Amino acid sequence: MTAQAFVFFQAGFETSTLAVSLSIYHICLNPEVKQKVIDEVDEALAEADGNITYELIQTLRYLDKVVHGE
């Protein structure tokens, strides 16, 4: 059971890492997309007094589209 739990954890971690890595790669290739993401995050953080919360992350629509490749 322990070995299976480890395999599930590792497999889940690998897919998350790949998604983040590819998102960062594509953002770096497109400076205008990068700037839009930075502006959206900066604006959201300013409205939330710099507090990062789950709810704040849910409001980042453009970032969500970039991560999902839309």
N, C-alpha and C. Protein backbone atom coordinates (compact mmCIF):
# COMPACT_ATOMS: atom_id res chain seq x y z
N MET A 1 0.83 -1.19 0.00
CA MET A 1 0.00 0.00 0.00
C MET A 1 0.87 1.25 0.00
N THR A 2 1.91 1.23 0.77
CA THR A 2 2.79 2.39 0.83
C THR A 2 3.40 2.68 -0.53
N ALA A 3 3.83 1.63 -1.21
CA ALA A 3 4.42 1.80 -2.54
C ALA A 3 3.40 2.38 -3.51
N GLN A 4 2.17 1.91 -3.47
CA GLN A 4 1.12 2.43 -4.35
C GLN A 4 0.83 3.90 -4.06
N ALA A 5 0.79 4.23 -2.77
CA ALA A 5 0.55 5.63 -2.39
C ALA A 5 1.67 6.51 -2.93
N PHE A 6 2.90 6.03 -2.84
CA PHE A 6 4.04 6.79 -3.36
C PHE A 6 3.93 6.98 -4.87
N VAL A 7 3.55 5.93 -5.58
CA VAL A 7 3.41 6.02 -7.04
C VAL A 7 2.33 7.04 -7.40
N PHE A 8 1.20 7.01 -6.72
CA PHE A 8 0.13 7.98 -6.99
C PHE A 8 0.59 9.40 -6.71
N PHE A 9 1.30 9.59 -5.60
CA PHE A 9 1.81 10.91 -5.26
C PHE A 9 2.79 11.39 -6.33
N GLN A 10 3.73 10.54 -6.70
CA GLN A 10 4.74 10.91 -7.69
C GLN A 10 4.12 11.21 -9.04
N ALA A 11 3.17 10.42 -9.46
CA ALA A 11 2.52 10.64 -10.75
C ALA A 11 1.75 11.96 -10.75
N GLY A 12 1.07 12.25 -9.66
CA GLY A 12 0.34 13.52 -9.56
C GLY A 12 1.28 14.71 -9.54
N PHE A 13 2.40 14.57 -8.87
CA PHE A 13 3.38 15.66 -8.78
C PHE A 13 4.00 15.92 -10.15
N GLU A 14 4.29 14.86 -10.87
CA GLU A 14 4.93 15.00 -12.18
C GLU A 14 4.03 15.74 -13.16
N THR A 15 2.75 15.42 -13.17
CA THR A 15 1.84 16.09 -14.10
C THR A 15 1.67 17.56 -13.75
N SER A 16 1.64 17.88 -12.47
CA SER A 16 1.54 19.28 -12.04
C SER A 16 2.78 20.05 -12.44
N THR A 17 3.93 19.42 -12.24
CA THR A 17 5.19 20.07 -12.60
C THR A 17 5.25 20.33 -14.10
N LEU A 18 4.82 19.38 -14.89
CA LEU A 18 4.83 19.54 -16.34
C LEU A 18 3.90 20.68 -16.77
N ALA A 19 2.73 20.76 -16.18
CA ALA A 19 1.78 21.82 -16.53
C ALA A 19 2.36 23.20 -16.21
N VAL A 20 2.95 23.34 -15.05
CA VAL A 20 3.54 24.62 -14.66
C VAL A 20 4.73 24.95 -15.55
N SER A 21 5.57 23.98 -15.82
CA SER A 21 6.75 24.21 -16.66
C SER A 21 6.36 24.66 -18.06
N LEU A 22 5.39 23.99 -18.66
CA LEU A 22 4.96 24.37 -20.00
C LEU A 22 4.30 25.75 -20.02
N SER A 23 3.55 26.06 -18.98
CA SER A 23 2.92 27.38 -18.90
C SER A 23 3.98 28.48 -18.83
N ILE A 24 4.97 28.28 -17.98
CA ILE A 24 6.04 29.27 -17.86
C ILE A 24 6.81 29.40 -19.18
N TYR A 25 7.07 28.29 -19.82
CA TYR A 25 7.78 28.31 -21.10
C TYR A 25 7.02 29.14 -22.14
N HIS A 26 5.72 28.91 -22.25
CA HIS A 26 4.92 29.63 -23.24
C HIS A 26 4.76 31.11 -22.87
N ILE A 27 4.69 31.41 -21.60
CA ILE A 27 4.63 32.80 -21.18
C ILE A 27 5.92 33.52 -21.57
N CYS A 28 7.05 32.86 -21.38
CA CYS A 28 8.34 33.47 -21.73
C CYS A 28 8.48 33.70 -23.23
N LEU A 29 7.87 32.86 -24.04
CA LEU A 29 7.95 33.02 -25.49
C LEU A 29 7.08 34.18 -26.00
N ASN A 30 6.12 34.60 -25.20
CA ASN A 30 5.18 35.65 -25.61
C ASN A 30 5.20 36.80 -24.61
N PRO A 31 6.04 37.81 -24.86
CA PRO A 31 6.18 38.92 -23.91
C PRO A 31 4.87 39.67 -23.64
N GLU A 32 3.99 39.77 -24.66
CA GLU A 32 2.72 40.48 -24.43
C GLU A 32 1.81 39.68 -23.49
N VAL A 33 1.84 38.38 -23.59
CA VAL A 33 1.07 37.53 -22.67
C VAL A 33 1.65 37.64 -21.27
N LYS A 34 2.97 37.60 -21.19
CA LYS A 34 3.65 37.74 -19.90
C LYS A 34 3.25 39.04 -19.21
N GLN A 35 3.24 40.14 -19.96
CA GLN A 35 2.89 41.43 -19.36
C GLN A 35 1.44 41.46 -18.91
N LYS A 36 0.53 40.87 -19.69
CA LYS A 36 -0.88 40.82 -19.28
C LYS A 36 -1.06 40.02 -18.00
N VAL A 37 -0.33 38.91 -17.88
CA VAL A 37 -0.42 38.09 -16.66
C VAL A 37 0.12 38.88 -15.47
N ILE A 38 1.26 39.55 -15.65
CA ILE A 38 1.85 40.35 -14.57
C ILE A 38 0.90 41.45 -14.15
N ASP A 39 0.31 42.15 -15.12
CA ASP A 39 -0.63 43.23 -14.80
C ASP A 39 -1.85 42.71 -14.05
N GLU A 40 -2.37 41.56 -14.48
CA GLU A 40 -3.55 41.00 -13.81
C GLU A 40 -3.22 40.62 -12.37
N VAL A 41 -2.08 39.98 -12.16
CA VAL A 41 -1.68 39.57 -10.81
C VAL A 41 -1.43 40.80 -9.94
N ASP A 42 -0.71 41.79 -10.47
CA ASP A 42 -0.44 43.01 -9.70
C ASP A 42 -1.72 43.72 -9.29
N GLU A 43 -2.67 43.81 -10.22
CA GLU A 43 -3.94 44.47 -9.93
C GLU A 43 -4.72 43.72 -8.85
N ALA A 44 -4.75 42.40 -8.96
CA ALA A 44 -5.48 41.60 -7.97
C ALA A 44 -4.83 41.71 -6.60
N LEU A 45 -3.50 41.70 -6.56
CA LEU A 45 -2.80 41.82 -5.27
C LEU A 45 -3.01 43.20 -4.65
N ALA A 46 -3.06 44.23 -5.47
CA ALA A 46 -3.31 45.58 -4.95
C ALA A 46 -4.70 45.67 -4.32
N GLU A 47 -5.68 45.05 -4.97
CA GLU A 47 -7.04 45.06 -4.43
C GLU A 47 -7.16 44.25 -3.15
N ALA A 48 -6.30 43.23 -3.00
CA ALA A 48 -6.37 42.35 -1.83
C ALA A 48 -5.34 42.73 -0.77
N ASP A 49 -4.76 43.92 -0.88
CA ASP A 49 -3.73 44.39 0.07
C ASP A 49 -2.56 43.43 0.18
N GLY A 50 -2.22 42.78 -0.92
CA GLY A 50 -1.06 41.89 -0.94
C GLY A 50 -1.27 40.52 -0.35
N ASN A 51 -2.50 40.20 0.03
CA ASN A 51 -2.80 38.89 0.62
C ASN A 51 -3.20 37.90 -0.46
N ILE A 52 -2.41 36.85 -0.61
CA ILE A 52 -2.71 35.82 -1.59
C ILE A 52 -3.61 34.77 -0.94
N THR A 53 -4.79 34.60 -1.50
CA THR A 53 -5.74 33.61 -0.99
C THR A 53 -6.24 32.76 -2.15
N TYR A 54 -6.88 31.68 -1.81
CA TYR A 54 -7.47 30.81 -2.84
C TYR A 54 -8.50 31.59 -3.64
N GLU A 55 -9.29 32.40 -2.98
CA GLU A 55 -10.31 33.19 -3.65
C GLU A 55 -9.69 34.18 -4.62
N LEU A 56 -8.56 34.77 -4.23
CA LEU A 56 -7.87 35.71 -5.11
C LEU A 56 -7.40 35.00 -6.38
N ILE A 57 -6.82 33.84 -6.22
CA ILE A 57 -6.33 33.08 -7.38
C ILE A 57 -7.49 32.72 -8.31
N GLN A 58 -8.66 32.46 -7.76
CA GLN A 58 -9.82 32.12 -8.59
C GLN A 58 -10.29 33.29 -9.44
N THR A 59 -9.91 34.51 -9.09
CA THR A 59 -10.33 35.68 -9.87
C THR A 59 -9.41 35.97 -11.05
N LEU A 60 -8.29 35.27 -11.14
CA LEU A 60 -7.30 35.53 -12.19
C LEU A 60 -7.69 34.77 -13.47
N ARG A 61 -8.62 35.33 -14.22
CA ARG A 61 -9.19 34.67 -15.39
C ARG A 61 -8.17 34.54 -16.53
N TYR A 62 -7.41 35.59 -16.78
CA TYR A 62 -6.45 35.53 -17.88
C TYR A 62 -5.36 34.50 -17.58
N LEU A 63 -4.86 34.49 -16.36
CA LEU A 63 -3.86 33.50 -15.97
C LEU A 63 -4.41 32.09 -16.12
N ASP A 64 -5.66 31.88 -15.76
CA ASP A 64 -6.30 30.59 -15.90
C ASP A 64 -6.33 30.16 -17.36
N LYS A 65 -6.66 31.08 -18.25
CA LYS A 65 -6.68 30.75 -19.68
C LYS A 65 -5.29 30.42 -20.20
N VAL A 66 -4.28 31.12 -19.71
CA VAL A 66 -2.91 30.85 -20.14
C VAL A 66 -2.47 29.46 -19.68
N VAL A 67 -2.76 29.13 -18.44
CA VAL A 67 -2.37 27.83 -17.90
C VAL A 67 -3.09 26.70 -18.62
N HIS A 68 -4.35 26.91 -18.97
CA HIS A 68 -5.12 25.88 -19.65
C HIS A 68 -4.93 25.89 -21.17
N GLY A 69 -4.12 26.80 -21.66
CA GLY A 69 -3.81 26.84 -23.09
C GLY A 69 -4.94 27.31 -23.97
N GLU A 70 -5.79 28.15 -23.45
CA GLU A 70 -6.94 28.64 -24.23
C GLU A 70 -6.60 29.89 -24.99
